[in-house]
Amino acid sequence: VMMLAAGKGAKVLIEIEGPDEAVAMDAIVALIDDCFGEGQ
């Protein structure tokens, strides 16, 4: 995801499949919301 070079406001479609898909999606959303730990 970090190599996409998607700028602020870009739309990215993420598809997740598998038995842990809800947990994986929650983790990805948390990373994005936290700016991947890089602050604002």
N, C-alpha and C. Protein backbone atom coordinates (compact mmCIF):
# COMPACT_ATOMS: atom_id res chain seq x y z
N VAL A 1 0.84 -1.18 0.00
CA VAL A 1 0.00 0.00 0.00
C VAL A 1 0.88 1.24 0.00
N MET A 2 1.97 1.21 0.74
CA MET A 2 2.81 2.40 0.85
C MET A 2 3.51 2.73 -0.46
N MET A 3 3.67 1.78 -1.35
CA MET A 3 4.35 2.01 -2.62
C MET A 3 3.41 2.54 -3.69
N LEU A 4 2.15 2.75 -3.38
CA LEU A 4 1.19 3.23 -4.38
C LEU A 4 1.43 4.68 -4.76
N ALA A 5 2.07 5.42 -3.92
CA ALA A 5 2.27 6.86 -4.13
C ALA A 5 0.94 7.57 -4.33
N ALA A 6 -0.08 7.11 -3.62
CA ALA A 6 -1.40 7.75 -3.67
C ALA A 6 -1.36 8.97 -2.76
N GLY A 7 -1.63 10.11 -3.33
CA GLY A 7 -1.60 11.36 -2.57
C GLY A 7 -2.83 11.53 -1.70
N LYS A 8 -2.79 12.54 -0.86
CA LYS A 8 -3.91 12.84 0.02
C LYS A 8 -5.16 13.09 -0.82
N GLY A 9 -6.24 12.44 -0.45
CA GLY A 9 -7.50 12.58 -1.17
C GLY A 9 -7.69 11.57 -2.28
N ALA A 10 -6.65 10.77 -2.57
CA ALA A 10 -6.76 9.74 -3.60
C ALA A 10 -7.70 8.64 -3.12
N LYS A 11 -8.38 8.02 -4.06
CA LYS A 11 -9.25 6.90 -3.73
C LYS A 11 -8.54 5.61 -4.09
N VAL A 12 -8.57 4.67 -3.16
CA VAL A 12 -7.91 3.38 -3.34
C VAL A 12 -8.92 2.29 -2.99
N LEU A 13 -9.06 1.32 -3.88
CA LEU A 13 -9.95 0.19 -3.63
C LEU A 13 -9.12 -0.95 -3.06
N ILE A 14 -9.53 -1.44 -1.90
CA ILE A 14 -8.85 -2.56 -1.25
C ILE A 14 -9.84 -3.69 -1.11
N GLU A 15 -9.47 -4.85 -1.64
CA GLU A 15 -10.32 -6.04 -1.51
C GLU A 15 -9.63 -7.02 -0.59
N ILE A 16 -10.37 -7.51 0.38
CA ILE A 16 -9.82 -8.45 1.35
C ILE A 16 -10.75 -9.66 1.40
N GLU A 17 -10.16 -10.84 1.30
CA GLU A 17 -10.94 -12.07 1.37
C GLU A 17 -10.28 -13.02 2.35
N GLY A 18 -11.08 -13.79 3.03
CA GLY A 18 -10.55 -14.80 3.92
C GLY A 18 -11.25 -14.78 5.26
N PRO A 19 -10.92 -15.75 6.09
CA PRO A 19 -11.61 -15.88 7.37
C PRO A 19 -11.35 -14.71 8.33
N ASP A 20 -10.24 -14.02 8.16
CA ASP A 20 -9.91 -12.89 9.03
C ASP A 20 -10.08 -11.55 8.33
N GLU A 21 -10.94 -11.50 7.30
CA GLU A 21 -11.05 -10.28 6.50
C GLU A 21 -11.50 -9.06 7.31
N ALA A 22 -12.40 -9.24 8.25
CA ALA A 22 -12.87 -8.09 9.05
C ALA A 22 -11.73 -7.55 9.91
N VAL A 23 -10.95 -8.43 10.51
CA VAL A 23 -9.82 -8.02 11.34
C VAL A 23 -8.77 -7.33 10.48
N ALA A 24 -8.50 -7.89 9.30
CA ALA A 24 -7.52 -7.29 8.40
C ALA A 24 -7.97 -5.90 7.95
N MET A 25 -9.24 -5.75 7.60
CA MET A 25 -9.74 -4.44 7.17
C MET A 25 -9.65 -3.42 8.31
N ASP A 26 -9.99 -3.84 9.52
CA ASP A 26 -9.88 -2.94 10.67
C ASP A 26 -8.43 -2.48 10.86
N ALA A 27 -7.48 -3.40 10.68
CA ALA A 27 -6.06 -3.05 10.85
C ALA A 27 -5.61 -2.08 9.77
N ILE A 28 -6.05 -2.29 8.53
CA ILE A 28 -5.68 -1.39 7.43
C ILE A 28 -6.28 0.00 7.65
N VAL A 29 -7.53 0.05 8.05
CA VAL A 29 -8.19 1.34 8.32
C VAL A 29 -7.45 2.07 9.45
N ALA A 30 -7.06 1.35 10.49
CA ALA A 30 -6.34 1.97 11.60
C ALA A 30 -5.00 2.54 11.13
N LEU A 31 -4.29 1.82 10.27
CA LEU A 31 -3.02 2.31 9.73
C LEU A 31 -3.21 3.58 8.92
N ILE A 32 -4.23 3.58 8.07
CA ILE A 32 -4.49 4.76 7.23
C ILE A 32 -4.90 5.94 8.10
N ASP A 33 -5.79 5.70 9.06
CA ASP A 33 -6.24 6.78 9.95
C ASP A 33 -5.08 7.38 10.74
N ASP A 34 -4.05 6.56 11.02
CA ASP A 34 -2.89 7.01 11.78
C ASP A 34 -1.76 7.50 10.86
N CYS A 35 -2.06 7.66 9.57
CA CYS A 35 -1.05 8.11 8.58
C CYS A 35 0.18 7.20 8.61
N PHE A 36 -0.07 5.90 8.79
CA PHE A 36 0.99 4.89 8.82
C PHE A 36 2.05 5.21 9.87
N GLY A 37 1.61 5.84 10.98
CA GLY A 37 2.51 6.15 12.07
C GLY A 37 3.42 7.34 11.81
N GLU A 38 3.17 8.07 10.73
CA GLU A 38 4.04 9.19 10.36
C GLU A 38 3.49 10.54 10.79
N GLY A 39 2.41 10.57 11.55
CA GLY A 39 1.83 11.83 12.00
C GLY A 39 1.02 12.49 10.90
N GLN A 40 0.73 13.75 11.07
CA GLN A 40 -0.09 14.49 10.11
C GLN A 40 0.71 14.70 8.89
